[in-house]
Amino acid sequence: MVSSDQRRKQLAREKYLRQQERRAARRRKNRLRNAAIAGGLALVIAAGAAYAASGGLGGDKDSSADDAQASPSPSEAPDPCGKPAGGKPGDEQWKKEPSMKIDESATYTMELDTTCGGIAFEMDASKAPHTVNSFDFLAGEKFFDHTKCHRLVDEGIHVLQCGDPTGTGQGGPGYTIPDENLKDSRLKDNTYPAGTVAMANQYDAQSKKGRDTGGSQFFLVFEDSQLPPDYTPFGKITKGMDVLRKIAEAGSTTDPQTQNTPPNATVVIDKATVRKS
């Protein structure tokens, strides 16, 4: 005789399998639709995904890539994260990049206390001094506290993008910083390895315009991702890859107005701190 607990587990497994089948069917449908519209599917997704990861300050323009990676609706995927701490993002802006105050011979660690769990990454001040100095400054000003991670891409490339207090992909600190470390030896074959932390920017490879437009938005790479070496790699994740995978598993849903792809999980940075190692 099947116990009530066994029956409950069986029903849960069956529900999970149905959800997985619906997700797979939706992805197949999206891929076929995009193939009919765009023709060169692989090229469209590759170019669109790269733009989606880097378009932080410039916003989204390529809806085909977002549709291709859109995941199940929040009603199908339970939110794996907790409730945000009390408080709201700041709106302070600065006219120019902060003066250099970091020790370029040191390593700095940024710790993100998020609703989904702790994430930490080491920042290399010797290779990306402007970027690390800016993050040290912004964290000290509590700029990242209470901000949402506003974009999840998990098809073609695998990144979670954060650092915008407006949560729209359009916000920043008011100043920009130069691109750095674009020839890092770790970026082999145009691949940003899993665990890389890099800056979003507005660079357009076709027009070759938009260099040195990094602000506060950054992306966390949770699986090896092919991207052109146009985005400052400045950190390596030391804690929280399991947190990122949990967020990715919950999927994302395309915003019909902005065509952005926010994660279904409630990913909010409650507090960000930087310490010198």
C-alpha atoms as a PDB file:
ATOM      1  CA  MET A   1       0.000   0.000   0.000  1.00  0.00           C
ATOM      2  CA  VAL A   2       1.339   3.435  -0.946  1.00  0.00           C
ATOM      3  CA  SER A   3       1.674   5.788   2.005  1.00  0.00           C
ATOM      4  CA  SER A   4       0.431   9.384   1.853  1.00  0.00           C
ATOM      5  CA  ASP A   5       4.025  10.620   1.985  1.00  0.00           C
ATOM      6  CA  GLN A   6       5.044   8.396  -0.942  1.00  0.00           C
ATOM      7  CA  ARG A   7       1.994   9.540  -2.910  1.00  0.00           C
ATOM      8  CA  ARG A   8       2.859  13.175  -2.213  1.00  0.00           C
ATOM      9  CA  LYS A   9       6.431  12.658  -3.467  1.00  0.00           C
ATOM     10  CA  GLN A  10       5.151  10.857  -6.577  1.00  0.00           C
ATOM     11  CA  LEU A  11       2.775  13.720  -7.387  1.00  0.00           C
ATOM     12  CA  ALA A  12       5.582  16.230  -6.866  1.00  0.00           C
ATOM     13  CA  ARG A  13       7.843  14.314  -9.266  1.00  0.00           C
ATOM     14  CA  GLU A  14       5.082  14.131 -11.874  1.00  0.00           C
ATOM     15  CA  LYS A  15       4.445  17.874 -11.567  1.00  0.00           C
ATOM     16  CA  TYR A  16       8.147  18.601 -11.944  1.00  0.00           C
ATOM     17  CA  LEU A  17       8.352  16.427 -15.084  1.00  0.00           C
ATOM     18  CA  ARG A  18       5.340  18.201 -16.606  1.00  0.00           C
ATOM     19  CA  GLN A  19       6.979  21.566 -15.917  1.00  0.00           C
ATOM     20  CA  GLN A  20      10.207  20.432 -17.553  1.00  0.00           C
ATOM     21  CA  GLU A  21       8.306  19.187 -20.618  1.00  0.00           C
ATOM     22  CA  ARG A  22       6.472  22.515 -20.957  1.00  0.00           C
ATOM     23  CA  ARG A  23       9.727  24.438 -20.646  1.00  0.00           C
ATOM     24  CA  ALA A  24      11.426  22.310 -23.293  1.00  0.00           C
ATOM     25  CA  ALA A  25       8.450  22.683 -25.633  1.00  0.00           C
ATOM     26  CA  ARG A  26       8.423  26.450 -25.176  1.00  0.00           C
ATOM     27  CA  ARG A  27      12.127  26.709 -25.945  1.00  0.00           C
ATOM     28  CA  ARG A  28      11.726  24.555 -29.072  1.00  0.00           C
ATOM     29  CA  LYS A  29       8.819  26.718 -30.221  1.00  0.00           C
ATOM     30  CA  ASN A  30      10.775  29.915 -29.661  1.00  0.00           C
ATOM     31  CA  ARG A  31      13.774  28.571 -31.533  1.00  0.00           C
ATOM     32  CA  LEU A  32      11.648  27.531 -34.511  1.00  0.00           C
ATOM     33  CA  ARG A  33       9.868  30.888 -34.574  1.00  0.00           C
ATOM     34  CA  ASN A  34      13.112  32.808 -34.515  1.00  0.00           C
ATOM     35  CA  ALA A  35      14.513  30.618 -37.265  1.00  0.00           C
ATOM     36  CA  ALA A  36      11.573  31.482 -39.483  1.00  0.00           C
ATOM     37  CA  ILE A  37      11.888  35.187 -38.746  1.00  0.00           C
ATOM     38  CA  ALA A  38      15.635  35.606 -38.742  1.00  0.00           C
ATOM     39  CA  GLY A  39      16.938  32.898 -41.031  1.00  0.00           C
ATOM     40  CA  GLY A  40      20.454  32.686 -39.634  1.00  0.00           C
ATOM     41  CA  LEU A  41      19.454  31.471 -36.177  1.00  0.00           C
ATOM     42  CA  ALA A  42      22.914  30.866 -34.742  1.00  0.00           C
ATOM     43  CA  LEU A  43      24.198  34.276 -35.783  1.00  0.00           C
ATOM     44  CA  VAL A  44      21.130  36.110 -34.496  1.00  0.00           C
ATOM     45  CA  ILE A  45      21.208  34.465 -31.094  1.00  0.00           C
ATOM     46  CA  ALA A  46      24.950  34.891 -30.671  1.00  0.00           C
ATOM     47  CA  ALA A  47      24.895  38.567 -31.561  1.00  0.00           C
ATOM     48  CA  GLY A  48      21.720  39.256 -29.625  1.00  0.00           C
ATOM     49  CA  ALA A  49      22.862  37.474 -26.492  1.00  0.00           C
ATOM     50  CA  ALA A  50      26.149  39.335 -26.446  1.00  0.00           C
ATOM     51  CA  TYR A  51      24.284  42.612 -26.751  1.00  0.00           C
ATOM     52  CA  ALA A  52      21.855  41.617 -24.015  1.00  0.00           C
ATOM     53  CA  ALA A  53      24.688  40.980 -21.599  1.00  0.00           C
ATOM     54  CA  SER A  54      26.442  44.231 -22.330  1.00  0.00           C
ATOM     55  CA  GLY A  55      23.608  46.643 -22.951  1.00  0.00           C
ATOM     56  CA  GLY A  56      23.260  47.702 -19.333  1.00  0.00           C
ATOM     57  CA  LEU A  57      23.493  51.456 -19.714  1.00  0.00           C
ATOM     58  CA  GLY A  58      22.113  51.498 -23.243  1.00  0.00           C
ATOM     59  CA  GLY A  59      19.027  49.293 -22.808  1.00  0.00           C
ATOM     60  CA  ASP A  60      17.746  46.391 -24.901  1.00  0.00           C
ATOM     61  CA  LYS A  61      17.048  46.568 -28.607  1.00  0.00           C
ATOM     62  CA  ASP A  62      17.184  42.956 -29.793  1.00  0.00           C
ATOM     63  CA  SER A  63      13.966  41.201 -28.777  1.00  0.00           C
ATOM     64  CA  SER A  64      14.718  38.044 -30.783  1.00  0.00           C
ATOM     65  CA  ALA A  65      17.570  37.040 -28.481  1.00  0.00           C
ATOM     66  CA  ASP A  66      15.447  37.711 -25.400  1.00  0.00           C
ATOM     67  CA  ASP A  67      12.572  35.620 -26.795  1.00  0.00           C
ATOM     68  CA  ALA A  68      14.965  32.791 -27.582  1.00  0.00           C
ATOM     69  CA  GLN A  69      16.088  32.486 -23.992  1.00  0.00           C
ATOM     70  CA  ALA A  70      12.845  33.330 -22.210  1.00  0.00           C
ATOM     71  CA  SER A  71      12.060  30.720 -19.565  1.00  0.00           C
ATOM     72  CA  PRO A  72       8.858  29.693 -17.797  1.00  0.00           C
ATOM     73  CA  SER A  73       6.586  32.206 -16.158  1.00  0.00           C
ATOM     74  CA  PRO A  74       6.883  32.803 -12.410  1.00  0.00           C
ATOM     75  CA  SER A  75       3.725  30.752 -11.857  1.00  0.00           C
ATOM     76  CA  GLU A  76       5.519  27.645 -13.144  1.00  0.00           C
ATOM     77  CA  ALA A  77       8.853  28.160 -11.381  1.00  0.00           C
ATOM     78  CA  PRO A  78       8.725  28.825  -7.632  1.00  0.00           C
ATOM     79  CA  ASP A  79      10.820  31.736  -6.390  1.00  0.00           C
ATOM     80  CA  PRO A  80      13.895  30.204  -4.709  1.00  0.00           C
ATOM     81  CA  CYS A  81      14.852  33.434  -2.949  1.00  0.00           C
ATOM     82  CA  GLY A  82      13.781  35.245   0.188  1.00  0.00           C
ATOM     83  CA  LYS A  83      12.219  38.638   0.752  1.00  0.00           C
ATOM     84  CA  PRO A  84      14.411  41.748   0.385  1.00  0.00           C
ATOM     85  CA  ALA A  85      15.554  43.590   3.471  1.00  0.00           C
ATOM     86  CA  GLY A  86      13.837  46.875   4.253  1.00  0.00           C
ATOM     87  CA  GLY A  87      15.116  49.853   2.331  1.00  0.00           C
ATOM     88  CA  LYS A  88      15.241  51.198  -1.208  1.00  0.00           C
ATOM     89  CA  PRO A  89      17.980  51.921  -3.751  1.00  0.00           C
ATOM     90  CA  GLY A  90      19.707  55.271  -3.611  1.00  0.00           C
ATOM     91  CA  ASP A  91      19.502  57.828  -6.384  1.00  0.00           C
ATOM     92  CA  GLU A  92      22.678  59.826  -5.823  1.00  0.00           C
ATOM     93  CA  GLN A  93      24.717  60.718  -8.905  1.00  0.00           C
ATOM     94  CA  TRP A  94      28.294  61.920  -9.299  1.00  0.00           C
ATOM     95  CA  LYS A  95      29.672  64.075 -12.090  1.00  0.00           C
ATOM     96  CA  LYS A  96      33.071  62.444 -12.352  1.00  0.00           C
ATOM     97  CA  GLU A  97      34.926  59.250 -11.565  1.00  0.00           C
ATOM     98  CA  PRO A  98      36.180  59.115  -7.953  1.00  0.00           C
ATOM     99  CA  SER A  99      39.836  59.855  -7.341  1.00  0.00           C
ATOM    100  CA  MET A 100      42.143  56.856  -7.053  1.00  0.00           C
ATOM    101  CA  LYS A 101      42.442  55.704  -3.447  1.00  0.00           C
ATOM    102  CA  ILE A 102      42.974  51.948  -3.679  1.00  0.00           C
ATOM    103  CA  ASP A 103      46.240  50.056  -3.313  1.00  0.00           C
ATOM    104  CA  GLU A 104      46.913  48.704  -6.803  1.00  0.00           C
ATOM    105  CA  SER A 105      49.181  45.988  -5.415  1.00  0.00           C
ATOM    106  CA  ALA A 106      46.383  44.553  -3.275  1.00  0.00           C
ATOM    107  CA  THR A 107      43.423  42.281  -3.904  1.00  0.00           C
ATOM    108  CA  TYR A 108      39.966  43.484  -2.974  1.00  0.00           C
ATOM    109  CA  THR A 109      36.942  41.292  -2.340  1.00  0.00           C
ATOM    110  CA  MET A 110      33.371  42.357  -2.966  1.00  0.00           C
ATOM    111  CA  GLU A 111      30.714  40.555  -0.958  1.00  0.00           C
ATOM    112  CA  LEU A 112      27.067  40.630  -2.033  1.00  0.00           C
ATOM    113  CA  ASP A 113      24.502  39.733   0.601  1.00  0.00           C
ATOM    114  CA  THR A 114      21.544  38.839  -1.620  1.00  0.00           C
ATOM    115  CA  THR A 115      18.055  37.514  -1.074  1.00  0.00           C
ATOM    116  CA  CYS A 116      19.175  34.287  -2.765  1.00  0.00           C
ATOM    117  CA  GLY A 117      22.375  33.764  -0.765  1.00  0.00           C
ATOM    118  CA  GLY A 118      25.885  35.133  -0.459  1.00  0.00           C
ATOM    119  CA  ILE A 119      28.036  35.851  -3.507  1.00  0.00           C
ATOM    120  CA  ALA A 120      31.639  37.021  -3.309  1.00  0.00           C
ATOM    121  CA  PHE A 121      34.316  37.785  -5.871  1.00  0.00           C
ATOM    122  CA  GLU A 122      37.931  38.871  -5.768  1.00  0.00           C
ATOM    123  CA  MET A 123      38.823  42.010  -7.719  1.00  0.00           C
ATOM    124  CA  ASP A 124      42.275  42.500  -9.230  1.00  0.00           C
ATOM    125  CA  ALA A 125      43.327  46.095  -8.639  1.00  0.00           C
ATOM    126  CA  SER A 126      46.551  45.753 -10.623  1.00  0.00           C
ATOM    127  CA  LYS A 127      44.721  44.781 -13.836  1.00  0.00           C
ATOM    128  CA  ALA A 128      41.611  46.950 -13.497  1.00  0.00           C
ATOM    129  CA  PRO A 129      42.445  49.782 -11.069  1.00  0.00           C
ATOM    130  CA  HIS A 130      39.768  52.221 -12.272  1.00  0.00           C
ATOM    131  CA  THR A 131      37.063  49.585 -12.052  1.00  0.00           C
ATOM    132  CA  VAL A 132      38.080  48.319  -8.622  1.00  0.00           C
ATOM    133  CA  ASN A 133      38.481  51.858  -7.285  1.00  0.00           C
ATOM    134  CA  SER A 134      34.989  52.721  -8.549  1.00  0.00           C
ATOM    135  CA  PHE A 135      33.424  49.635  -6.963  1.00  0.00           C
ATOM    136  CA  ASP A 136      35.187  50.347  -3.675  1.00  0.00           C
ATOM    137  CA  PHE A 137      33.793  53.887  -3.774  1.00  0.00           C
ATOM    138  CA  LEU A 138      30.250  52.889  -4.750  1.00  0.00           C
ATOM    139  CA  ALA A 139      30.038  50.135  -2.148  1.00  0.00           C
ATOM    140  CA  GLY A 140      31.193  52.612   0.503  1.00  0.00           C
ATOM    141  CA  GLU A 141      28.405  54.949  -0.607  1.00  0.00           C
ATOM    142  CA  LYS A 142      25.880  52.055  -0.304  1.00  0.00           C
ATOM    143  CA  PHE A 143      25.073  52.548  -3.994  1.00  0.00           C
ATOM    144  CA  PHE A 144      24.445  48.834  -4.610  1.00  0.00           C
ATOM    145  CA  ASP A 145      22.332  48.236  -1.494  1.00  0.00           C
ATOM    146  CA  HIS A 146      18.688  47.266  -2.162  1.00  0.00           C
ATOM    147  CA  THR A 147      19.235  47.025  -5.931  1.00  0.00           C
ATOM    148  CA  LYS A 148      17.718  44.309  -8.125  1.00  0.00           C
ATOM    149  CA  CYS A 149      19.717  42.162 -10.502  1.00  0.00           C
ATOM    150  CA  HIS A 150      17.712  43.088 -13.570  1.00  0.00           C
ATOM    151  CA  ARG A 151      18.783  40.715 -16.357  1.00  0.00           C
ATOM    152  CA  LEU A 152      19.293  36.968 -16.654  1.00  0.00           C
ATOM    153  CA  VAL A 153      20.507  35.400 -19.907  1.00  0.00           C
ATOM    154  CA  ASP A 154      20.816  31.615 -19.997  1.00  0.00           C
ATOM    155  CA  GLU A 155      20.831  30.741 -23.686  1.00  0.00           C
ATOM    156  CA  GLY A 156      23.888  31.327 -25.851  1.00  0.00           C
ATOM    157  CA  ILE A 157      25.581  33.018 -22.922  1.00  0.00           C
ATOM    158  CA  HIS A 158      25.034  32.515 -19.194  1.00  0.00           C
ATOM    159  CA  VAL A 159      25.111  35.709 -17.165  1.00  0.00           C
ATOM    160  CA  LEU A 160      23.301  37.529 -14.388  1.00  0.00           C
ATOM    161  CA  GLN A 161      23.528  41.322 -14.666  1.00  0.00           C
ATOM    162  CA  CYS A 162      23.314  43.615 -11.647  1.00  0.00           C
ATOM    163  CA  GLY A 163      24.382  47.050 -10.461  1.00  0.00           C
ATOM    164  CA  ASP A 164      21.557  49.291 -11.689  1.00  0.00           C
ATOM    165  CA  PRO A 165      19.615  51.042  -8.903  1.00  0.00           C
ATOM    166  CA  THR A 166      16.736  51.719 -11.314  1.00  0.00           C
ATOM    167  CA  GLY A 167      16.377  48.022 -12.162  1.00  0.00           C
ATOM    168  CA  THR A 168      15.793  48.894 -15.819  1.00  0.00           C
ATOM    169  CA  GLY A 169      19.221  48.419 -17.418  1.00  0.00           C
ATOM    170  CA  GLN A 170      19.436  52.173 -17.988  1.00  0.00           C
ATOM    171  CA  GLY A 171      20.886  53.404 -14.685  1.00  0.00           C
ATOM    172  CA  GLY A 172      24.365  54.178 -13.437  1.00  0.00           C
ATOM    173  CA  PRO A 173      26.352  56.388 -11.053  1.00  0.00           C
ATOM    174  CA  GLY A 174      26.451  59.441 -13.330  1.00  0.00           C
ATOM    175  CA  TYR A 175      30.070  58.954 -14.417  1.00  0.00           C
ATOM    176  CA  THR A 176      31.831  56.440 -16.645  1.00  0.00           C
ATOM    177  CA  ILE A 177      35.107  54.575 -16.303  1.00  0.00           C
ATOM    178  CA  PRO A 178      37.588  53.367 -18.933  1.00  0.00           C
ATOM    179  CA  ASP A 179      37.672  49.842 -20.341  1.00  0.00           C
ATOM    180  CA  GLU A 180      40.484  47.817 -18.780  1.00  0.00           C
ATOM    181  CA  ASN A 181      42.150  44.423 -19.006  1.00  0.00           C
ATOM    182  CA  LEU A 182      40.583  43.547 -22.370  1.00  0.00           C
ATOM    183  CA  LYS A 183      43.589  41.399 -23.308  1.00  0.00           C
ATOM    184  CA  ASP A 184      43.415  39.248 -20.187  1.00  0.00           C
ATOM    185  CA  SER A 185      44.975  35.859 -20.894  1.00  0.00           C
ATOM    186  CA  ARG A 186      41.967  34.122 -19.369  1.00  0.00           C
ATOM    187  CA  LEU A 187      39.739  35.279 -22.233  1.00  0.00           C
ATOM    188  CA  LYS A 188      40.768  32.546 -24.655  1.00  0.00           C
ATOM    189  CA  ASP A 189      38.831  32.003 -27.882  1.00  0.00           C
ATOM    190  CA  ASN A 190      36.485  34.879 -27.027  1.00  0.00           C
ATOM    191  CA  THR A 191      35.259  32.981 -23.993  1.00  0.00           C
ATOM    192  CA  TYR A 192      34.570  34.476 -20.578  1.00  0.00           C
ATOM    193  CA  PRO A 193      35.077  31.496 -18.240  1.00  0.00           C
ATOM    194  CA  ALA A 194      32.536  30.539 -15.603  1.00  0.00           C
ATOM    195  CA  GLY A 195      33.204  32.575 -12.487  1.00  0.00           C
ATOM    196  CA  THR A 196      34.245  35.726 -14.362  1.00  0.00           C
ATOM    197  CA  VAL A 197      32.890  39.098 -13.263  1.00  0.00           C
ATOM    198  CA  ALA A 198      32.932  41.772 -15.971  1.00  0.00           C
ATOM    199  CA  MET A 199      31.602  45.244 -16.714  1.00  0.00           C
ATOM    200  CA  ALA A 200      28.606  45.994 -18.909  1.00  0.00           C
ATOM    201  CA  ASN A 201      28.989  48.922 -21.295  1.00  0.00           C
ATOM    202  CA  GLN A 202      27.525  50.550 -24.404  1.00  0.00           C
ATOM    203  CA  TYR A 203      30.178  49.492 -26.881  1.00  0.00           C
ATOM    204  CA  ASP A 204      28.877  48.778 -30.386  1.00  0.00           C
ATOM    205  CA  ALA A 205      31.307  46.515 -32.244  1.00  0.00           C
ATOM    206  CA  GLN A 206      29.801  47.363 -35.651  1.00  0.00           C
ATOM    207  CA  SER A 207      30.256  51.114 -35.380  1.00  0.00           C
ATOM    208  CA  LYS A 208      33.205  50.759 -33.010  1.00  0.00           C
ATOM    209  CA  LYS A 209      31.671  53.443 -30.828  1.00  0.00           C
ATOM    210  CA  GLY A 210      30.974  53.398 -27.112  1.00  0.00           C
ATOM    211  CA  ARG A 211      34.359  52.609 -25.610  1.00  0.00           C
ATOM    212  CA  ASP A 212      34.965  53.590 -21.983  1.00  0.00           C
ATOM    213  CA  THR A 213      31.272  53.688 -21.105  1.00  0.00           C
ATOM    214  CA  GLY A 214      31.278  51.388 -18.073  1.00  0.00           C
ATOM    215  CA  GLY A 215      29.356  52.660 -15.055  1.00  0.00           C
ATOM    216  CA  SER A 216      28.086  50.507 -12.200  1.00  0.00           C
ATOM    217  CA  GLN A 217      26.489  47.584 -14.043  1.00  0.00           C
ATOM    218  CA  PHE A 218      28.342  44.283 -14.060  1.00  0.00           C
ATOM    219  CA  PHE A 219      27.618  40.711 -14.999  1.00  0.00           C
ATOM    220  CA  LEU A 220      28.376  37.424 -13.269  1.00  0.00           C
ATOM    221  CA  VAL A 221      29.222  34.525 -15.593  1.00  0.00           C
ATOM    222  CA  PHE A 222      27.917  31.195 -14.262  1.00  0.00           C
ATOM    223  CA  GLU A 223      28.856  29.042 -17.296  1.00  0.00           C
ATOM    224  CA  ASP A 224      31.550  29.535 -19.942  1.00  0.00           C
ATOM    225  CA  SER A 225      30.165  32.170 -22.326  1.00  0.00           C
ATOM    226  CA  GLN A 226      31.369  33.246 -25.743  1.00  0.00           C
ATOM    227  CA  LEU A 227      31.592  37.020 -25.942  1.00  0.00           C
ATOM    228  CA  PRO A 228      33.964  39.361 -27.762  1.00  0.00           C
ATOM    229  CA  PRO A 229      36.685  40.738 -25.456  1.00  0.00           C
ATOM    230  CA  ASP A 230      35.003  44.133 -25.127  1.00  0.00           C
ATOM    231  CA  TYR A 231      33.892  43.986 -21.498  1.00  0.00           C
ATOM    232  CA  THR A 232      36.333  44.660 -18.655  1.00  0.00           C
ATOM    233  CA  PRO A 233      36.993  41.422 -16.730  1.00  0.00           C
ATOM    234  CA  PHE A 234      37.872  42.539 -13.224  1.00  0.00           C
ATOM    235  CA  GLY A 235      36.875  39.787 -10.823  1.00  0.00           C
ATOM    236  CA  LYS A 236      36.610  36.081 -10.124  1.00  0.00           C
ATOM    237  CA  ILE A 237      33.774  34.531  -8.148  1.00  0.00           C
ATOM    238  CA  THR A 238      34.992  32.809  -4.983  1.00  0.00           C
ATOM    239  CA  LYS A 239      31.623  32.102  -3.387  1.00  0.00           C
ATOM    240  CA  GLY A 240      28.087  31.668  -4.635  1.00  0.00           C
ATOM    241  CA  MET A 241      28.238  29.727  -7.905  1.00  0.00           C
ATOM    242  CA  ASP A 242      25.530  27.509  -6.414  1.00  0.00           C
ATOM    243  CA  VAL A 243      23.455  30.627  -5.781  1.00  0.00           C
ATOM    244  CA  LEU A 244      23.788  31.689  -9.419  1.00  0.00           C
ATOM    245  CA  ARG A 245      22.801  28.235 -10.652  1.00  0.00           C
ATOM    246  CA  LYS A 246      19.725  28.354  -8.394  1.00  0.00           C
ATOM    247  CA  ILE A 247      18.758  31.714  -9.895  1.00  0.00           C
ATOM    248  CA  ALA A 248      19.313  30.421 -13.430  1.00  0.00           C
ATOM    249  CA  GLU A 249      17.212  27.323 -12.790  1.00  0.00           C
ATOM    250  CA  ALA A 250      14.222  29.527 -11.911  1.00  0.00           C
ATOM    251  CA  GLY A 251      14.479  31.087 -15.384  1.00  0.00           C
ATOM    252  CA  SER A 252      13.480  34.518 -16.644  1.00  0.00           C
ATOM    253  CA  THR A 253      10.486  36.176 -18.268  1.00  0.00           C
ATOM    254  CA  THR A 254      10.627  38.789 -21.006  1.00  0.00           C
ATOM    255  CA  ASP A 255       9.214  42.166 -20.005  1.00  0.00           C
ATOM    256  CA  PRO A 256       6.763  43.025 -22.831  1.00  0.00           C
ATOM    257  CA  GLN A 257       7.456  46.761 -22.551  1.00  0.00           C
ATOM    258  CA  THR A 258      11.247  46.880 -22.235  1.00  0.00           C
ATOM    259  CA  GLN A 259      12.054  43.463 -23.756  1.00  0.00           C
ATOM    260  CA  ASN A 260      14.428  43.035 -20.820  1.00  0.00           C
ATOM    261  CA  THR A 261      14.686  39.536 -19.289  1.00  0.00           C
ATOM    262  CA  PRO A 262      14.545  39.884 -15.508  1.00  0.00           C
ATOM    263  CA  PRO A 263      15.045  36.692 -13.505  1.00  0.00           C
ATOM    264  CA  ASN A 264      11.950  35.018 -12.109  1.00  0.00           C
ATOM    265  CA  ALA A 265      13.810  34.763  -8.805  1.00  0.00           C
ATOM    266  CA  THR A 266      13.669  37.849  -6.603  1.00  0.00           C
ATOM    267  CA  VAL A 267      17.365  38.696  -6.777  1.00  0.00           C
ATOM    268  CA  VAL A 268      18.066  41.766  -4.664  1.00  0.00           C
ATOM    269  CA  ILE A 269      21.425  42.860  -3.274  1.00  0.00           C
ATOM    270  CA  ASP A 270      20.524  43.707   0.329  1.00  0.00           C
ATOM    271  CA  LYS A 271      24.059  44.872   1.067  1.00  0.00           C
ATOM    272  CA  ALA A 272      27.365  45.148  -0.807  1.00  0.00           C
ATOM    273  CA  THR A 273      30.715  45.560   0.885  1.00  0.00           C
ATOM    274  CA  VAL A 274      34.314  45.715  -0.314  1.00  0.00           C
ATOM    275  CA  ARG A 275      37.276  44.710   1.818  1.00  0.00           C
ATOM    276  CA  LYS A 276      40.983  44.738   1.163  1.00  0.00           C
ATOM    277  CA  SER A 277      42.611  41.304   1.319  1.00  0.00           C
END
